[in-house]
Every structure is written in C-alpha cells, then in structure tokens.
N, C-alpha and C. Protein backbone atom coordinates (compact mmCIF):
# COMPACT_ATOMS: atom_id res chain seq x y z
N MET A 1 -33.92 214.97 112.68
CA MET A 1 -33.99 213.97 113.76
C MET A 1 -33.12 212.79 113.50
N PRO A 2 -32.18 212.55 114.48
CA PRO A 2 -31.20 211.50 114.32
C PRO A 2 -31.80 210.14 114.40
N HIS A 3 -31.23 209.21 113.65
CA HIS A 3 -31.71 207.85 113.72
C HIS A 3 -30.88 206.85 114.43
N SER A 4 -29.54 207.22 114.47
CA SER A 4 -28.54 206.34 115.11
C SER A 4 -28.48 206.59 116.56
N PHE A 5 -28.37 205.67 117.41
CA PHE A 5 -28.29 205.80 118.88
C PHE A 5 -26.99 205.07 119.40
N GLY A 6 -25.80 205.47 118.77
CA GLY A 6 -24.62 204.80 119.03
C GLY A 6 -24.05 205.32 120.40
N TRP A 7 -22.98 204.74 120.75
CA TRP A 7 -22.21 205.00 121.99
C TRP A 7 -21.92 206.49 122.14
N ARG A 8 -21.45 207.08 121.00
CA ARG A 8 -21.08 208.46 121.06
C ARG A 8 -22.03 209.47 120.28
N ALA A 9 -23.26 209.01 120.11
CA ALA A 9 -24.23 209.79 119.44
C ALA A 9 -24.45 211.18 120.09
N ARG A 10 -24.58 212.29 119.28
CA ARG A 10 -24.81 213.51 119.71
C ARG A 10 -23.73 214.07 120.72
N THR A 11 -22.49 213.76 120.50
CA THR A 11 -21.41 214.21 121.40
C THR A 11 -20.48 215.20 120.74
N ARG A 12 -21.01 215.94 119.74
CA ARG A 12 -20.09 216.75 118.84
C ARG A 12 -19.37 217.79 119.71
N SER A 13 -20.04 218.47 120.60
CA SER A 13 -19.40 219.55 121.40
C SER A 13 -18.95 218.99 122.74
N MET A 14 -19.61 217.86 123.21
CA MET A 14 -19.21 217.31 124.56
C MET A 14 -17.86 216.73 124.48
N PHE A 15 -17.48 215.99 123.43
CA PHE A 15 -16.25 215.35 123.29
C PHE A 15 -15.38 216.00 122.36
N LYS A 16 -15.16 217.34 122.68
CA LYS A 16 -14.33 218.25 121.84
C LYS A 16 -13.37 218.90 122.71
N LYS A 17 -12.05 218.83 122.29
CA LYS A 17 -11.07 219.51 123.03
C LYS A 17 -11.02 221.01 122.78
N GLN A 18 -10.43 221.80 123.78
CA GLN A 18 -10.35 223.15 123.61
C GLN A 18 -9.37 223.57 122.48
N PHE A 19 -9.57 224.81 122.06
CA PHE A 19 -8.65 225.36 120.98
C PHE A 19 -7.20 225.38 121.47
N ARG A 20 -6.36 224.78 120.69
CA ARG A 20 -4.95 224.68 121.00
C ARG A 20 -4.57 223.79 122.18
N LYS A 21 -5.54 222.92 122.51
CA LYS A 21 -5.30 221.95 123.56
C LYS A 21 -5.40 220.48 123.07
N HIS A 22 -5.19 220.32 121.84
CA HIS A 22 -5.34 218.97 121.21
C HIS A 22 -4.16 218.13 121.59
N GLY A 23 -4.30 216.80 121.32
CA GLY A 23 -3.28 215.91 121.57
C GLY A 23 -3.49 215.03 122.78
N LEU A 24 -2.51 214.19 123.16
CA LEU A 24 -2.58 213.27 124.24
C LEU A 24 -2.43 213.97 125.59
N PRO A 25 -2.92 213.41 126.66
CA PRO A 25 -2.85 214.05 127.99
C PRO A 25 -1.41 214.18 128.45
N HIS A 26 -1.16 215.05 129.39
CA HIS A 26 0.19 215.14 129.98
C HIS A 26 0.52 213.94 130.89
N LEU A 27 1.74 213.78 131.16
CA LEU A 27 2.21 212.65 132.10
C LEU A 27 1.66 212.92 133.54
N SER A 28 1.50 214.09 133.95
CA SER A 28 0.98 214.41 135.29
C SER A 28 -0.46 213.80 135.52
N GLN A 29 -1.16 213.67 134.37
CA GLN A 29 -2.50 213.07 134.46
C GLN A 29 -2.42 211.65 134.85
N TYR A 30 -1.35 210.93 134.38
CA TYR A 30 -1.28 209.48 134.70
C TYR A 30 -0.66 209.28 136.14
N LEU A 31 0.09 210.30 136.61
CA LEU A 31 0.77 210.18 137.88
C LEU A 31 -0.04 210.73 138.97
N MET A 32 -1.30 211.13 138.74
CA MET A 32 -2.17 211.69 139.74
C MET A 32 -2.58 210.56 140.74
N PRO A 33 -2.28 210.82 142.03
CA PRO A 33 -2.66 209.83 143.07
C PRO A 33 -4.12 209.84 143.39
N VAL A 34 -4.75 208.63 143.22
CA VAL A 34 -6.15 208.42 143.54
C VAL A 34 -6.27 207.31 144.59
N LYS A 35 -6.96 207.54 145.62
CA LYS A 35 -7.27 206.58 146.61
C LYS A 35 -8.76 206.24 146.78
N VAL A 36 -9.09 205.17 147.39
CA VAL A 36 -10.41 204.78 147.60
C VAL A 36 -11.12 205.78 148.51
N GLY A 37 -12.24 206.22 148.13
CA GLY A 37 -12.96 207.19 148.97
C GLY A 37 -12.82 208.64 148.45
N ASP A 38 -11.97 208.83 147.52
CA ASP A 38 -11.77 210.26 146.90
C ASP A 38 -12.89 210.56 146.10
N TYR A 39 -13.26 211.90 146.04
CA TYR A 39 -14.24 212.47 145.10
C TYR A 39 -13.60 212.80 143.81
N VAL A 40 -14.14 212.29 142.65
CA VAL A 40 -13.58 212.58 141.33
C VAL A 40 -14.67 213.05 140.40
N ASP A 41 -14.36 213.90 139.46
CA ASP A 41 -15.13 214.44 138.42
C ASP A 41 -14.84 213.62 137.20
N ILE A 42 -15.88 213.02 136.48
CA ILE A 42 -15.59 212.30 135.29
C ILE A 42 -15.69 213.28 134.07
N PHE A 43 -14.60 213.43 133.35
CA PHE A 43 -14.60 214.22 132.10
C PHE A 43 -13.88 213.38 131.06
N ALA A 44 -14.69 212.91 130.12
CA ALA A 44 -14.10 212.11 129.01
C ALA A 44 -13.15 212.85 128.22
N ASP A 45 -11.89 212.30 128.03
CA ASP A 45 -10.87 212.87 127.17
C ASP A 45 -11.03 212.19 125.70
N PRO A 46 -11.42 212.99 124.83
CA PRO A 46 -11.71 212.42 123.46
C PRO A 46 -10.45 211.93 122.75
N SER A 47 -9.22 212.26 123.23
CA SER A 47 -8.04 211.78 122.54
C SER A 47 -7.69 210.43 123.01
N VAL A 48 -8.29 209.92 124.02
CA VAL A 48 -8.03 208.50 124.54
C VAL A 48 -9.39 207.81 124.41
N HIS A 49 -9.38 206.86 123.53
CA HIS A 49 -10.66 206.12 123.26
C HIS A 49 -10.88 205.01 124.26
N LYS A 50 -9.68 204.36 124.74
CA LYS A 50 -9.78 203.21 125.72
C LYS A 50 -10.29 203.75 127.06
N GLY A 51 -11.15 202.95 127.67
CA GLY A 51 -11.63 203.26 129.02
C GLY A 51 -12.50 204.49 129.09
N MET A 52 -13.04 204.97 128.00
CA MET A 52 -13.83 206.20 127.97
C MET A 52 -15.25 205.83 128.53
N PRO A 53 -15.79 206.64 129.46
CA PRO A 53 -17.12 206.37 129.96
C PRO A 53 -18.16 206.82 128.97
N HIS A 54 -19.35 206.30 129.27
CA HIS A 54 -20.51 206.68 128.45
C HIS A 54 -20.79 208.23 128.51
N LYS A 55 -21.44 208.75 127.57
CA LYS A 55 -21.57 210.23 127.52
C LYS A 55 -22.51 210.64 128.70
N HIS A 56 -23.35 209.74 129.23
CA HIS A 56 -24.17 210.15 130.34
C HIS A 56 -23.40 210.58 131.57
N TYR A 57 -22.20 209.99 131.78
CA TYR A 57 -21.42 210.12 132.92
C TYR A 57 -20.47 211.37 132.86
N HIS A 58 -20.47 211.98 131.62
CA HIS A 58 -19.53 213.07 131.44
C HIS A 58 -19.94 214.23 132.29
N GLY A 59 -19.04 214.83 133.12
CA GLY A 59 -19.29 215.90 134.02
C GLY A 59 -19.97 215.50 135.39
N ARG A 60 -20.07 214.26 135.65
CA ARG A 60 -20.65 213.75 136.95
C ARG A 60 -19.54 213.64 137.94
N THR A 61 -19.99 213.73 139.19
CA THR A 61 -19.03 213.58 140.30
C THR A 61 -19.33 212.26 140.96
N GLY A 62 -18.33 211.46 141.29
CA GLY A 62 -18.54 210.20 142.01
C GLY A 62 -17.44 209.94 143.11
N ILE A 63 -17.58 208.73 143.67
CA ILE A 63 -16.61 208.32 144.74
C ILE A 63 -15.90 207.12 144.32
N VAL A 64 -14.56 207.13 144.47
CA VAL A 64 -13.77 206.02 144.07
C VAL A 64 -13.96 204.81 144.90
N PHE A 65 -14.30 203.70 144.39
CA PHE A 65 -14.42 202.44 145.17
C PHE A 65 -13.41 201.43 144.85
N ASN A 66 -12.68 201.58 143.73
CA ASN A 66 -11.65 200.51 143.34
C ASN A 66 -10.56 201.21 142.53
N VAL A 67 -9.34 200.75 142.83
CA VAL A 67 -8.26 201.30 142.05
C VAL A 67 -7.38 200.15 141.51
N THR A 68 -7.33 200.05 140.22
CA THR A 68 -6.48 198.97 139.58
C THR A 68 -5.36 199.65 138.83
N LYS A 69 -4.51 198.81 138.21
CA LYS A 69 -3.24 199.49 137.58
C LYS A 69 -3.72 200.19 136.30
N MET A 70 -4.82 199.85 135.65
CA MET A 70 -5.16 200.43 134.41
C MET A 70 -6.37 201.37 134.54
N ALA A 71 -7.24 201.19 135.57
CA ALA A 71 -8.53 201.94 135.63
C ALA A 71 -8.87 202.21 137.06
N VAL A 72 -9.90 202.97 137.23
CA VAL A 72 -10.41 203.39 138.49
C VAL A 72 -11.95 203.14 138.50
N GLY A 73 -12.43 202.48 139.59
CA GLY A 73 -13.86 202.26 139.76
C GLY A 73 -14.47 203.39 140.49
N VAL A 74 -15.62 203.96 139.88
CA VAL A 74 -16.32 205.08 140.49
C VAL A 74 -17.67 204.80 140.68
N ARG A 75 -18.28 205.17 141.83
CA ARG A 75 -19.60 205.08 142.14
C ARG A 75 -20.33 206.41 141.77
N VAL A 76 -21.36 206.35 140.80
CA VAL A 76 -22.04 207.57 140.44
C VAL A 76 -23.51 207.30 140.51
N ASN A 77 -24.24 208.35 140.94
CA ASN A 77 -25.70 208.26 141.01
C ASN A 77 -26.31 208.63 139.63
N LYS A 78 -27.28 207.77 139.28
CA LYS A 78 -28.03 207.99 138.03
C LYS A 78 -29.51 207.97 138.17
N LEU A 79 -30.14 208.88 137.58
CA LEU A 79 -31.60 208.99 137.71
C LEU A 79 -32.27 208.12 136.57
N VAL A 80 -33.02 207.07 137.04
CA VAL A 80 -33.63 206.14 136.05
C VAL A 80 -35.16 205.96 136.42
N ASN A 81 -35.99 206.44 135.61
CA ASN A 81 -37.45 206.31 135.83
C ASN A 81 -37.87 206.84 137.16
N GLY A 82 -37.36 208.03 137.62
CA GLY A 82 -37.79 208.62 138.86
C GLY A 82 -37.08 208.13 140.06
N ARG A 83 -36.18 207.22 140.02
CA ARG A 83 -35.48 206.70 141.06
C ARG A 83 -33.90 206.84 140.92
N ILE A 84 -33.27 207.03 141.94
CA ILE A 84 -31.74 207.19 141.84
C ILE A 84 -31.08 205.91 142.08
N LEU A 85 -30.38 205.44 141.10
CA LEU A 85 -29.55 204.13 141.21
C LEU A 85 -28.06 204.53 141.39
N GLU A 86 -27.40 203.71 142.20
CA GLU A 86 -25.93 203.84 142.28
C GLU A 86 -25.33 202.94 141.25
N LYS A 87 -24.67 203.61 140.28
CA LYS A 87 -24.03 202.81 139.23
C LYS A 87 -22.56 202.75 139.49
N ARG A 88 -21.92 201.61 139.27
CA ARG A 88 -20.51 201.46 139.42
C ARG A 88 -19.83 201.24 138.05
N ILE A 89 -18.96 202.15 137.75
CA ILE A 89 -18.33 202.13 136.42
C ILE A 89 -16.82 202.16 136.62
N HIS A 90 -16.13 201.58 135.62
CA HIS A 90 -14.73 201.68 135.59
C HIS A 90 -14.30 202.54 134.46
N VAL A 91 -13.49 203.46 134.76
CA VAL A 91 -12.88 204.43 133.64
C VAL A 91 -11.39 204.54 133.88
N ARG A 92 -10.75 204.84 132.78
CA ARG A 92 -9.32 205.08 132.89
C ARG A 92 -9.01 206.41 133.61
N ILE A 93 -7.75 206.43 134.00
CA ILE A 93 -7.32 207.59 134.76
C ILE A 93 -7.28 208.92 133.90
N GLU A 94 -7.23 208.72 132.63
CA GLU A 94 -7.30 209.95 131.74
C GLU A 94 -8.59 210.66 131.75
N HIS A 95 -9.66 209.91 132.12
CA HIS A 95 -10.98 210.49 132.03
C HIS A 95 -11.48 211.02 133.39
N ILE A 96 -10.71 211.12 134.45
CA ILE A 96 -11.16 211.58 135.67
C ILE A 96 -10.23 212.76 136.16
N ARG A 97 -10.73 213.61 137.03
CA ARG A 97 -10.09 214.72 137.66
C ARG A 97 -10.42 214.75 139.12
N LYS A 98 -9.47 215.17 139.93
CA LYS A 98 -9.81 215.31 141.42
C LYS A 98 -10.86 216.38 141.54
N SER A 99 -11.89 216.04 142.32
CA SER A 99 -12.96 217.04 142.52
C SER A 99 -12.68 218.02 143.67
N SER A 100 -13.17 219.18 143.55
CA SER A 100 -12.94 220.18 144.58
C SER A 100 -14.33 220.41 145.41
N CYS A 101 -15.14 219.47 145.29
CA CYS A 101 -16.47 219.61 145.98
C CYS A 101 -16.31 219.55 147.48
N GLN A 102 -15.33 218.96 147.96
CA GLN A 102 -15.23 218.78 149.49
C GLN A 102 -14.26 219.85 150.10
N LYS A 103 -13.74 220.76 149.18
CA LYS A 103 -12.70 221.68 149.65
C LYS A 103 -13.15 222.59 150.73
N GLU A 104 -14.29 223.20 150.65
CA GLU A 104 -14.85 224.13 151.61
C GLU A 104 -15.19 223.40 152.85
N ILE A 105 -15.67 222.15 152.76
CA ILE A 105 -15.97 221.41 153.91
C ILE A 105 -14.77 221.04 154.84
N ILE A 106 -13.72 220.59 154.16
CA ILE A 106 -12.52 220.22 154.79
C ILE A 106 -11.80 221.50 155.41
N ALA A 107 -11.90 222.67 154.72
CA ALA A 107 -11.35 223.81 155.42
C ALA A 107 -12.18 224.31 156.59
N ARG A 108 -13.54 224.05 156.59
CA ARG A 108 -14.31 224.48 157.67
C ARG A 108 -14.07 223.53 158.84
N VAL A 109 -13.84 222.22 158.63
CA VAL A 109 -13.57 221.25 159.73
C VAL A 109 -12.26 221.69 160.36
N LYS A 110 -11.24 222.01 159.55
CA LYS A 110 -9.82 222.40 160.08
C LYS A 110 -10.04 223.67 160.99
N SER A 111 -10.78 224.65 160.57
CA SER A 111 -10.98 225.90 161.26
C SER A 111 -11.74 225.63 162.54
N ASN A 112 -12.77 224.71 162.53
CA ASN A 112 -13.58 224.40 163.73
C ASN A 112 -12.60 223.66 164.73
N GLU A 113 -11.68 222.81 164.25
CA GLU A 113 -10.82 222.13 165.19
C GLU A 113 -9.89 223.04 165.85
N ALA A 114 -9.35 224.03 165.07
CA ALA A 114 -8.51 225.08 165.57
C ALA A 114 -9.22 225.93 166.66
N ALA A 115 -10.49 226.33 166.37
CA ALA A 115 -11.28 227.15 167.31
C ALA A 115 -11.44 226.24 168.58
N LYS A 116 -11.82 225.03 168.44
CA LYS A 116 -12.12 224.17 169.62
C LYS A 116 -10.84 224.10 170.52
N LYS A 117 -9.69 223.95 169.84
CA LYS A 117 -8.41 223.83 170.68
C LYS A 117 -8.16 225.08 171.35
N ALA A 118 -8.34 226.25 170.76
CA ALA A 118 -8.11 227.50 171.38
C ALA A 118 -9.05 227.80 172.53
N ALA A 119 -10.32 227.29 172.35
CA ALA A 119 -11.33 227.48 173.42
C ALA A 119 -10.97 226.58 174.64
N ARG A 120 -10.47 225.40 174.40
CA ARG A 120 -10.08 224.43 175.39
C ARG A 120 -9.00 225.09 176.23
N GLU A 121 -8.01 225.59 175.54
CA GLU A 121 -6.86 226.22 176.29
C GLU A 121 -7.26 227.53 177.06
N GLY A 122 -8.21 228.21 176.54
CA GLY A 122 -8.73 229.38 177.26
C GLY A 122 -9.81 229.16 178.25
N GLY A 123 -10.32 227.97 178.22
CA GLY A 123 -11.35 227.61 179.18
C GLY A 123 -12.68 228.26 178.90
N GLU A 124 -13.03 228.48 177.73
CA GLU A 124 -14.33 229.09 177.34
C GLU A 124 -15.09 228.27 176.29
N LYS A 125 -16.32 228.62 176.15
CA LYS A 125 -17.18 227.91 175.11
C LYS A 125 -17.10 228.61 173.76
N VAL A 126 -17.19 227.77 172.70
CA VAL A 126 -17.09 228.34 171.45
C VAL A 126 -18.41 227.92 170.60
N ASN A 127 -18.95 228.83 169.77
CA ASN A 127 -20.06 228.54 168.99
C ASN A 127 -19.59 228.22 167.51
N LEU A 128 -19.75 227.00 167.11
CA LEU A 128 -19.26 226.62 165.80
C LEU A 128 -20.27 226.69 164.70
N LYS A 129 -21.49 227.11 165.04
CA LYS A 129 -22.66 227.20 164.00
C LYS A 129 -22.35 228.34 163.16
N ARG A 130 -22.65 228.09 161.82
CA ARG A 130 -22.57 229.20 160.90
C ARG A 130 -23.77 230.13 161.14
N GLU A 131 -23.62 231.41 161.03
CA GLU A 131 -24.64 232.36 161.27
C GLU A 131 -24.82 233.24 160.02
N ALA A 132 -26.08 233.58 159.78
CA ALA A 132 -26.31 234.42 158.66
C ALA A 132 -25.68 235.74 158.75
N LYS A 133 -25.42 236.41 157.63
CA LYS A 133 -24.80 237.73 157.69
C LYS A 133 -25.85 238.72 158.30
N LYS A 134 -25.39 239.41 159.27
CA LYS A 134 -26.30 240.38 159.98
C LYS A 134 -26.35 241.71 159.25
N PRO A 135 -27.46 242.49 159.45
CA PRO A 135 -27.64 243.71 158.73
C PRO A 135 -26.44 244.73 159.28
N ARG A 136 -26.18 245.75 158.51
CA ARG A 136 -25.16 246.66 158.80
C ARG A 136 -25.61 247.58 159.95
N GLU A 137 -24.60 248.06 160.67
CA GLU A 137 -24.85 248.96 161.78
C GLU A 137 -25.46 250.32 161.28
N ALA A 138 -26.29 250.96 162.12
CA ALA A 138 -26.84 252.27 161.74
C ALA A 138 -25.73 253.39 161.81
N TYR A 139 -25.78 254.34 161.02
CA TYR A 139 -24.89 255.47 161.05
C TYR A 139 -25.59 256.79 160.62
N PHE A 140 -25.01 257.86 160.94
CA PHE A 140 -25.53 259.18 160.54
C PHE A 140 -24.73 259.69 159.36
N LEU A 141 -25.41 260.12 158.33
CA LEU A 141 -24.81 260.57 157.12
C LEU A 141 -24.63 262.10 157.28
N ALA A 142 -23.37 262.64 157.11
CA ALA A 142 -23.08 263.97 157.28
C ALA A 142 -23.48 264.74 155.91
N ALA A 143 -24.09 265.84 156.08
CA ALA A 143 -24.51 266.69 154.89
C ALA A 143 -23.20 267.34 154.33
N PRO A 144 -23.09 267.44 153.02
CA PRO A 144 -21.87 268.04 152.46
C PRO A 144 -21.86 269.56 152.75
N GLY A 145 -20.79 270.03 153.38
CA GLY A 145 -20.66 271.45 153.62
C GLY A 145 -21.69 272.04 154.65
N GLY A 146 -22.37 271.15 155.38
CA GLY A 146 -23.38 271.59 156.28
C GLY A 146 -22.81 271.72 157.70
N ASP A 147 -23.56 272.36 158.54
CA ASP A 147 -23.17 272.64 159.88
C ASP A 147 -23.90 271.69 160.87
N GLY A 148 -24.57 270.69 160.28
CA GLY A 148 -25.26 269.63 161.08
C GLY A 148 -26.69 269.91 161.33
N GLU A 149 -27.18 271.07 160.71
CA GLU A 149 -28.64 271.41 160.98
C GLU A 149 -29.44 270.57 159.97
N ILE A 150 -30.74 270.23 160.36
CA ILE A 150 -31.61 269.50 159.57
C ILE A 150 -32.49 270.53 158.73
N THR A 151 -32.52 270.26 157.47
CA THR A 151 -33.34 271.22 156.55
C THR A 151 -34.58 270.50 156.05
N THR A 152 -35.79 271.16 156.25
CA THR A 152 -36.97 270.55 155.78
C THR A 152 -37.24 270.99 154.33
N ILE A 153 -37.48 270.10 153.41
CA ILE A 153 -37.67 270.40 152.06
C ILE A 153 -39.14 270.17 151.76
N GLN A 154 -39.73 271.13 151.13
CA GLN A 154 -41.20 270.98 150.65
C GLN A 154 -41.34 271.39 149.14
N PRO A 155 -42.33 270.74 148.50
CA PRO A 155 -42.43 270.93 147.16
C PRO A 155 -43.00 272.40 146.88
N MET A 156 -42.62 272.90 145.66
CA MET A 156 -43.18 274.30 145.32
C MET A 156 -44.58 274.18 144.92
N PRO A 157 -45.35 275.23 145.15
CA PRO A 157 -46.85 275.17 144.75
C PRO A 157 -46.88 275.05 143.23
N PHE A 158 -47.93 274.41 142.84
CA PHE A 158 -48.18 274.28 141.42
C PHE A 158 -48.59 275.61 140.69
N SER A 159 -48.07 275.95 139.60
CA SER A 159 -48.43 277.10 138.81
C SER A 159 -48.72 276.71 137.36
N ASP A 160 -49.88 277.09 136.86
CA ASP A 160 -50.23 276.71 135.51
C ASP A 160 -49.43 277.64 134.56
N LEU A 161 -48.83 277.09 133.62
CA LEU A 161 -47.98 277.89 132.70
C LEU A 161 -48.70 278.33 131.47
N ILE A 162 -49.97 277.99 131.35
CA ILE A 162 -50.69 278.26 130.07
C ILE A 162 -51.47 279.55 130.21
C-alpha cells in the first residue's frame, strides 16, 4: 500500500514511452496548428516535464479555449463526487494531440450537404436520416448436383444392437 500521494504517484506505466521511441518530441509536434474550438486529446509526454498535466487528465479529450505562445488552454470534464465539473487547464503543446473524435461527424455533414445539393438540382426530396441495416434478401439455395427436386429426409427406425 503506497503512502506517498505525489503529483506523479502510481504513473509507472502511464508516463512511459514506447520501446525505441525515447527522447524529445519531433519538431512537427511544436509546429502543429491549434485553434480555439479544436478537439484535442491530452497525452502527457514524459520526456518533457514542463507544462505536464496531472495524471488524471492523461488520455482525456477536451476543447481548446485559449492559445498562448507557450501553452494551450483546454476545457476538460471531470467527475467529482457524482457531478461533472468543467475544468480549465493549461498544458504545453508537447502534451496534446489533435483528436479524431469529430472525423466521422464532419464527413457525414459533408456527404449530407452534397446530397442536398444534388437533390435541389434534381428537384426531388432526400432523406438524410441514418437507417439501420436491413435484413438480407431471401434467396433459394441450389442443391449440389441436383435437378431441383425436393427430397424428404426421415430418420431411420431404431434397432437395438444388443
């Protein structure tokens, strides 16, 4: 049972880099464009100690509310005593990644807009609601080497072998 409750307590595997991925982050991490309103995933980089978020926020997704030259402000939801609080934290750019949580939604919006435009030009209505996958169509299974006749199969009568 651990007795210390420090800032990085019990983060042995959480703040660990992958095999052969040690060292400082690449330059592209620093040049990543981040704008207010973007969704970002918080992943603490253990090789950079400055601007590292608390272990609770590791792996969380939030929305950028502030961008400064050294850090990024992120709004994250946190469960505290049964209620969800919106926490505002500042982390350095090394500890965030662009989130792909909105990728499917954005693609669906684009496809809906294209469908609306095509329907307007054709003068017809379009249904944009997503529908559940329907059951497969019925089909007849052909018997192997058969001539299409139906054969009735019945069990053999029971015979005692003793």
